[in-house]
Amino acid sequence: MTPPEAPATHTGNSHPAVLSCLETLKTRRDFLAAARGLRHGTSSMMVQARNRRDTSATIRVGFTCSKKVGNAVARNRAKRRLREAARAVLPVSGRPGWDYVLIGRAEATATRPFQALKSDLEHALRKLHTR
């Protein structure tokens, strides 16, 4: 039985808040592989990226916040905001076959205006893909 907020077509492979072209990273191995890839920091987040070098048309994304961000409530709020920013920006600016990890920053991720958060993510993606 699916929860009432989950879409009817939810397969369990991705978070319901993320679009169908996006999948969420689940395993530590995937997060570590992205950490070995490219990275770019902005005032509100750190973005890590790696090219999986496969022909998959999906963009995979992971979200994390350390305890420096705050208590569990603050970390969850920061991750929710990062999820929404990724949902809005990655289908347009992300590249298929890439993994992205968005890392929240203390105080900045939860308090930055949402439009600025999205523009930070767009800026980071432009910088990562021009290298």
N, C-alpha and C. Protein backbone atom coordinates (compact mmCIF):
# COMPACT_ATOMS: atom_id res chain seq x y z
N MET A 1 0.84 -1.18 0.00
CA MET A 1 0.00 0.00 0.00
C MET A 1 0.89 1.24 0.00
N THR A 2 0.59 2.19 -0.88
CA THR A 2 1.40 3.40 -0.97
C THR A 2 0.82 4.47 -0.07
N PRO A 3 1.68 5.32 0.48
CA PRO A 3 1.17 6.41 1.29
C PRO A 3 0.37 7.38 0.43
N PRO A 4 -0.55 8.14 1.02
CA PRO A 4 -1.42 9.00 0.22
C PRO A 4 -0.68 10.08 -0.56
N GLU A 5 0.49 10.54 -0.08
CA GLU A 5 1.19 11.60 -0.80
C GLU A 5 2.04 11.08 -1.95
N ALA A 6 2.24 9.75 -2.03
CA ALA A 6 3.05 9.17 -3.10
C ALA A 6 2.21 9.04 -4.37
N PRO A 7 2.83 9.30 -5.53
CA PRO A 7 2.08 9.13 -6.77
C PRO A 7 1.76 7.66 -7.00
N ALA A 8 0.72 7.42 -7.77
CA ALA A 8 0.27 6.05 -8.00
C ALA A 8 1.30 5.23 -8.77
N THR A 9 2.16 5.87 -9.57
CA THR A 9 3.14 5.15 -10.37
C THR A 9 4.48 5.03 -9.67
N HIS A 10 4.56 5.37 -8.41
CA HIS A 10 5.82 5.33 -7.67
C HIS A 10 6.31 3.89 -7.56
N THR A 11 7.55 3.63 -8.04
CA THR A 11 8.08 2.27 -8.05
C THR A 11 8.99 1.98 -6.87
N GLY A 12 9.37 3.00 -6.11
CA GLY A 12 10.27 2.78 -5.00
C GLY A 12 11.72 3.04 -5.34
N ASN A 13 12.05 3.22 -6.63
CA ASN A 13 13.42 3.49 -7.04
C ASN A 13 13.83 4.94 -6.84
N SER A 14 12.87 5.82 -6.77
CA SER A 14 13.19 7.23 -6.59
C SER A 14 12.24 7.83 -5.58
N HIS A 15 12.64 8.94 -5.02
CA HIS A 15 11.81 9.62 -4.04
C HIS A 15 10.62 10.25 -4.75
N PRO A 16 9.41 10.22 -4.20
CA PRO A 16 8.25 10.78 -4.88
C PRO A 16 8.40 12.26 -5.21
N ALA A 17 9.23 12.99 -4.45
CA ALA A 17 9.37 14.42 -4.70
C ALA A 17 10.29 14.71 -5.88
N VAL A 18 10.94 13.70 -6.42
CA VAL A 18 11.88 13.90 -7.52
C VAL A 18 11.23 13.40 -8.80
N LEU A 19 11.41 14.13 -9.89
CA LEU A 19 10.79 13.80 -11.17
C LEU A 19 11.25 12.44 -11.69
N SER A 20 10.53 11.93 -12.68
CA SER A 20 10.81 10.59 -13.20
C SER A 20 12.16 10.49 -13.89
N CYS A 21 12.71 11.59 -14.42
CA CYS A 21 14.03 11.51 -15.06
C CYS A 21 15.14 11.51 -14.03
N LEU A 22 14.83 11.71 -12.76
CA LEU A 22 15.81 11.71 -11.69
C LEU A 22 15.63 10.48 -10.82
N GLU A 23 16.74 9.93 -10.38
CA GLU A 23 16.72 8.85 -9.38
C GLU A 23 17.55 9.30 -8.20
N THR A 24 17.24 8.80 -7.03
CA THR A 24 18.03 9.18 -5.86
C THR A 24 19.13 8.16 -5.62
N LEU A 25 20.28 8.66 -5.19
CA LEU A 25 21.38 7.79 -4.81
C LEU A 25 21.06 7.19 -3.45
N LYS A 26 21.30 5.92 -3.29
CA LYS A 26 20.95 5.24 -2.05
C LYS A 26 22.17 4.68 -1.32
N THR A 27 23.14 4.20 -2.05
CA THR A 27 24.23 3.47 -1.42
C THR A 27 25.43 4.36 -1.13
N ARG A 28 26.15 4.00 -0.11
CA ARG A 28 27.37 4.71 0.27
C ARG A 28 28.38 4.69 -0.88
N ARG A 29 28.42 3.60 -1.57
CA ARG A 29 29.35 3.45 -2.70
C ARG A 29 29.12 4.54 -3.76
N ASP A 30 27.86 4.83 -4.07
CA ASP A 30 27.55 5.86 -5.05
C ASP A 30 27.93 7.25 -4.54
N PHE A 31 27.68 7.51 -3.26
CA PHE A 31 28.05 8.80 -2.68
C PHE A 31 29.57 8.98 -2.70
N LEU A 32 30.32 7.93 -2.38
CA LEU A 32 31.78 8.01 -2.38
C LEU A 32 32.33 8.18 -3.79
N ALA A 33 31.70 7.54 -4.76
CA ALA A 33 32.14 7.70 -6.15
C ALA A 33 31.94 9.15 -6.61
N ALA A 34 30.83 9.76 -6.24
CA ALA A 34 30.59 11.16 -6.58
C ALA A 34 31.59 12.07 -5.87
N ALA A 35 31.97 11.71 -4.65
CA ALA A 35 32.94 12.52 -3.90
C ALA A 35 34.31 12.51 -4.56
N ARG A 36 34.63 11.45 -5.30
CA ARG A 36 35.90 11.38 -6.01
C ARG A 36 35.87 12.15 -7.32
N GLY A 37 34.69 12.60 -7.74
CA GLY A 37 34.54 13.30 -9.01
C GLY A 37 34.78 14.80 -8.86
N LEU A 38 34.11 15.55 -9.70
CA LEU A 38 34.22 17.01 -9.70
C LEU A 38 33.43 17.59 -8.54
N ARG A 39 33.82 18.79 -8.11
CA ARG A 39 33.05 19.47 -7.06
C ARG A 39 33.13 20.97 -7.24
N HIS A 40 32.06 21.62 -6.83
CA HIS A 40 32.02 23.07 -6.86
C HIS A 40 31.18 23.55 -5.68
N GLY A 41 31.71 24.49 -4.94
CA GLY A 41 31.01 25.02 -3.78
C GLY A 41 30.39 26.37 -4.08
N THR A 42 29.21 26.59 -3.54
CA THR A 42 28.56 27.89 -3.58
C THR A 42 28.30 28.32 -2.14
N SER A 43 27.72 29.47 -1.98
CA SER A 43 27.48 29.94 -0.62
C SER A 43 26.43 29.12 0.11
N SER A 44 25.57 28.43 -0.64
CA SER A 44 24.49 27.69 0.03
C SER A 44 24.65 26.18 -0.02
N MET A 45 25.56 25.66 -0.84
CA MET A 45 25.69 24.20 -0.95
C MET A 45 27.02 23.84 -1.60
N MET A 46 27.38 22.58 -1.46
CA MET A 46 28.50 21.99 -2.20
C MET A 46 27.88 20.99 -3.16
N VAL A 47 28.32 21.02 -4.41
CA VAL A 47 27.81 20.08 -5.41
C VAL A 47 28.96 19.21 -5.88
N GLN A 48 28.77 17.91 -5.77
CA GLN A 48 29.74 16.94 -6.27
C GLN A 48 29.11 16.23 -7.46
N ALA A 49 29.92 15.96 -8.49
CA ALA A 49 29.37 15.36 -9.70
C ALA A 49 30.37 14.38 -10.30
N ARG A 50 29.81 13.37 -10.95
CA ARG A 50 30.66 12.44 -11.70
C ARG A 50 29.88 11.89 -12.88
N ASN A 51 30.60 11.65 -13.95
CA ASN A 51 30.02 11.04 -15.13
C ASN A 51 30.09 9.53 -14.96
N ARG A 52 28.94 8.86 -15.00
CA ARG A 52 28.92 7.41 -14.84
C ARG A 52 29.43 6.69 -16.08
N ARG A 53 29.51 7.38 -17.19
CA ARG A 53 29.98 6.82 -18.46
C ARG A 53 29.13 5.63 -18.91
N ASP A 54 27.85 5.75 -18.69
CA ASP A 54 26.95 4.74 -19.24
C ASP A 54 25.93 5.44 -20.13
N THR A 55 25.12 4.68 -20.82
CA THR A 55 24.18 5.27 -21.77
C THR A 55 22.81 5.52 -21.15
N SER A 56 22.73 5.43 -19.86
CA SER A 56 21.46 5.64 -19.17
C SER A 56 20.99 7.08 -19.34
N ALA A 57 19.70 7.26 -19.52
CA ALA A 57 19.14 8.59 -19.71
C ALA A 57 18.72 9.21 -18.38
N THR A 58 19.07 8.58 -17.27
CA THR A 58 18.66 9.11 -15.98
C THR A 58 19.77 9.93 -15.35
N ILE A 59 19.32 10.88 -14.57
CA ILE A 59 20.21 11.68 -13.74
C ILE A 59 19.99 11.19 -12.32
N ARG A 60 21.06 10.84 -11.63
CA ARG A 60 20.92 10.38 -10.25
C ARG A 60 21.41 11.48 -9.33
N VAL A 61 20.71 11.66 -8.22
CA VAL A 61 21.05 12.74 -7.29
C VAL A 61 20.91 12.24 -5.86
N GLY A 62 21.82 12.71 -5.01
CA GLY A 62 21.79 12.39 -3.59
C GLY A 62 21.87 13.67 -2.77
N PHE A 63 21.39 13.61 -1.56
CA PHE A 63 21.33 14.78 -0.69
C PHE A 63 21.90 14.40 0.67
N THR A 64 22.70 15.29 1.23
CA THR A 64 23.24 15.02 2.56
C THR A 64 23.51 16.33 3.28
N CYS A 65 23.44 16.26 4.59
CA CYS A 65 23.75 17.38 5.47
C CYS A 65 24.44 16.81 6.71
N SER A 66 25.52 17.42 7.11
CA SER A 66 26.21 16.95 8.31
C SER A 66 25.55 17.54 9.55
N LYS A 67 26.01 17.12 10.71
CA LYS A 67 25.45 17.64 11.95
C LYS A 67 25.83 19.10 12.17
N LYS A 68 26.78 19.63 11.40
CA LYS A 68 27.12 21.05 11.48
C LYS A 68 25.95 21.92 11.04
N VAL A 69 25.06 21.36 10.22
CA VAL A 69 23.89 22.11 9.75
C VAL A 69 22.93 22.37 10.90
N GLY A 70 22.88 21.48 11.87
CA GLY A 70 22.00 21.66 13.02
C GLY A 70 21.41 20.33 13.47
N ASN A 71 20.33 20.45 14.22
CA ASN A 71 19.67 19.23 14.71
C ASN A 71 18.92 18.55 13.56
N ALA A 72 18.23 17.47 13.85
CA ALA A 72 17.56 16.69 12.81
C ALA A 72 16.52 17.52 12.06
N VAL A 73 15.83 18.39 12.76
CA VAL A 73 14.82 19.22 12.11
C VAL A 73 15.48 20.15 11.09
N ALA A 74 16.57 20.77 11.46
CA ALA A 74 17.28 21.69 10.55
C ALA A 74 17.87 20.93 9.36
N ARG A 75 18.43 19.75 9.61
CA ARG A 75 19.00 18.97 8.51
C ARG A 75 17.92 18.52 7.54
N ASN A 76 16.79 18.08 8.05
CA ASN A 76 15.70 17.64 7.18
C ASN A 76 15.15 18.81 6.37
N ARG A 77 15.04 19.98 6.98
CA ARG A 77 14.56 21.16 6.26
C ARG A 77 15.53 21.52 5.14
N ALA A 78 16.82 21.49 5.43
CA ALA A 78 17.82 21.80 4.41
C ALA A 78 17.75 20.79 3.27
N LYS A 79 17.59 19.51 3.58
CA LYS A 79 17.50 18.49 2.53
C LYS A 79 16.23 18.64 1.70
N ARG A 80 15.13 19.00 2.34
CA ARG A 80 13.88 19.24 1.59
C ARG A 80 14.07 20.37 0.59
N ARG A 81 14.74 21.44 1.02
CA ARG A 81 14.98 22.58 0.13
C ARG A 81 15.91 22.18 -1.01
N LEU A 82 16.93 21.37 -0.72
CA LEU A 82 17.83 20.90 -1.77
C LEU A 82 17.09 20.00 -2.76
N ARG A 83 16.20 19.14 -2.25
CA ARG A 83 15.40 18.27 -3.13
C ARG A 83 14.55 19.09 -4.09
N GLU A 84 13.90 20.12 -3.57
CA GLU A 84 13.05 20.96 -4.42
C GLU A 84 13.87 21.73 -5.44
N ALA A 85 15.04 22.22 -5.05
CA ALA A 85 15.90 22.92 -5.99
C ALA A 85 16.37 21.96 -7.09
N ALA A 86 16.75 20.74 -6.71
CA ALA A 86 17.18 19.74 -7.69
C ALA A 86 16.04 19.38 -8.62
N ARG A 87 14.86 19.26 -8.09
CA ARG A 87 13.68 18.93 -8.90
C ARG A 87 13.41 19.99 -9.95
N ALA A 88 13.69 21.25 -9.62
CA ALA A 88 13.44 22.34 -10.54
C ALA A 88 14.59 22.53 -11.54
N VAL A 89 15.82 22.30 -11.12
CA VAL A 89 16.99 22.67 -11.93
C VAL A 89 17.59 21.50 -12.71
N LEU A 90 17.73 20.34 -12.10
CA LEU A 90 18.45 19.24 -12.73
C LEU A 90 17.84 18.73 -14.04
N PRO A 91 16.53 18.64 -14.18
CA PRO A 91 16.01 18.19 -15.48
C PRO A 91 16.40 19.12 -16.63
N VAL A 92 16.65 20.39 -16.33
CA VAL A 92 17.01 21.35 -17.37
C VAL A 92 18.52 21.46 -17.52
N SER A 93 19.24 21.59 -16.41
CA SER A 93 20.68 21.88 -16.45
C SER A 93 21.57 20.67 -16.21
N GLY A 94 21.02 19.59 -15.67
CA GLY A 94 21.81 18.40 -15.42
C GLY A 94 22.03 17.61 -16.70
N ARG A 95 22.96 16.69 -16.66
CA ARG A 95 23.25 15.87 -17.83
C ARG A 95 22.90 14.41 -17.56
N PRO A 96 22.24 13.77 -18.53
CA PRO A 96 21.93 12.34 -18.37
C PRO A 96 23.22 11.53 -18.22
N GLY A 97 23.17 10.52 -17.38
CA GLY A 97 24.33 9.67 -17.15
C GLY A 97 25.27 10.21 -16.08
N TRP A 98 24.87 11.27 -15.40
CA TRP A 98 25.69 11.87 -14.34
C TRP A 98 25.06 11.64 -12.99
N ASP A 99 25.91 11.56 -11.96
CA ASP A 99 25.48 11.51 -10.56
C ASP A 99 25.83 12.85 -9.92
N TYR A 100 24.92 13.37 -9.12
CA TYR A 100 25.14 14.61 -8.39
C TYR A 100 24.85 14.38 -6.92
N VAL A 101 25.67 14.95 -6.05
CA VAL A 101 25.41 14.94 -4.62
C VAL A 101 25.38 16.39 -4.16
N LEU A 102 24.28 16.78 -3.54
CA LEU A 102 24.12 18.13 -3.02
C LEU A 102 24.30 18.08 -1.52
N ILE A 103 25.25 18.86 -1.02
CA ILE A 103 25.58 18.86 0.40
C ILE A 103 25.19 20.22 0.98
N GLY A 104 24.33 20.18 1.99
CA GLY A 104 23.88 21.41 2.62
C GLY A 104 24.95 22.05 3.49
N ARG A 105 24.89 23.36 3.58
CA ARG A 105 25.83 24.12 4.41
C ARG A 105 25.11 24.64 5.65
N ALA A 106 25.88 24.79 6.72
CA ALA A 106 25.33 25.26 7.99
C ALA A 106 24.67 26.63 7.79
N GLU A 107 23.47 26.76 8.26
CA GLU A 107 22.66 27.98 8.25
C GLU A 107 22.29 28.48 6.86
N ALA A 108 23.18 28.40 5.89
CA ALA A 108 22.93 29.00 4.59
C ALA A 108 21.85 28.27 3.79
N THR A 109 21.87 26.95 3.78
CA THR A 109 20.92 26.20 2.96
C THR A 109 19.48 26.41 3.42
N ALA A 110 19.27 26.43 4.70
CA ALA A 110 17.90 26.54 5.23
C ALA A 110 17.37 27.98 5.18
N THR A 111 18.26 28.97 5.18
CA THR A 111 17.79 30.36 5.27
C THR A 111 17.89 31.14 3.97
N ARG A 112 18.64 30.64 3.01
CA ARG A 112 18.81 31.38 1.74
C ARG A 112 17.48 31.41 0.98
N PRO A 113 17.14 32.52 0.34
CA PRO A 113 15.91 32.56 -0.47
C PRO A 113 15.93 31.47 -1.54
N PHE A 114 14.76 30.91 -1.82
CA PHE A 114 14.70 29.74 -2.69
C PHE A 114 15.19 30.04 -4.10
N GLN A 115 14.88 31.21 -4.64
CA GLN A 115 15.36 31.57 -5.98
C GLN A 115 16.89 31.63 -6.00
N ALA A 116 17.48 32.15 -4.95
CA ALA A 116 18.94 32.19 -4.85
C ALA A 116 19.52 30.79 -4.73
N LEU A 117 18.83 29.90 -4.03
CA LEU A 117 19.27 28.51 -3.90
C LEU A 117 19.29 27.84 -5.27
N LYS A 118 18.23 28.05 -6.05
CA LYS A 118 18.18 27.48 -7.40
C LYS A 118 19.26 28.07 -8.30
N SER A 119 19.48 29.36 -8.20
CA SER A 119 20.52 29.97 -9.05
C SER A 119 21.91 29.50 -8.63
N ASP A 120 22.12 29.24 -7.33
CA ASP A 120 23.40 28.67 -6.88
C ASP A 120 23.63 27.30 -7.51
N LEU A 121 22.58 26.49 -7.56
CA LEU A 121 22.70 25.16 -8.16
C LEU A 121 22.97 25.27 -9.66
N GLU A 122 22.28 26.16 -10.36
CA GLU A 122 22.52 26.36 -11.79
C GLU A 122 23.96 26.81 -12.04
N HIS A 123 24.44 27.74 -11.21
CA HIS A 123 25.81 28.24 -11.35
C HIS A 123 26.82 27.10 -11.14
N ALA A 124 26.61 26.29 -10.13
CA ALA A 124 27.51 25.17 -9.84
C ALA A 124 27.52 24.18 -11.00
N LEU A 125 26.37 23.89 -11.57
CA LEU A 125 26.30 22.95 -12.69
C LEU A 125 27.02 23.51 -13.92
N ARG A 126 26.85 24.81 -14.18
CA ARG A 126 27.56 25.42 -15.30
C ARG A 126 29.07 25.29 -15.11
N LYS A 127 29.55 25.57 -13.91
CA LYS A 127 30.99 25.49 -13.62
C LYS A 127 31.50 24.05 -13.75
N LEU A 128 30.72 23.10 -13.25
CA LEU A 128 31.15 21.69 -13.30
C LEU A 128 31.22 21.18 -14.74
N HIS A 129 30.28 21.59 -15.58
CA HIS A 129 30.23 21.05 -16.94
C HIS A 129 31.09 21.81 -17.93
N THR A 130 31.70 22.92 -17.53
CA THR A 130 32.60 23.64 -18.43
C THR A 130 34.04 23.24 -18.19
N ARG A 131 34.30 22.40 -17.22
CA ARG A 131 35.68 21.95 -16.96
C ARG A 131 36.12 20.95 -17.99
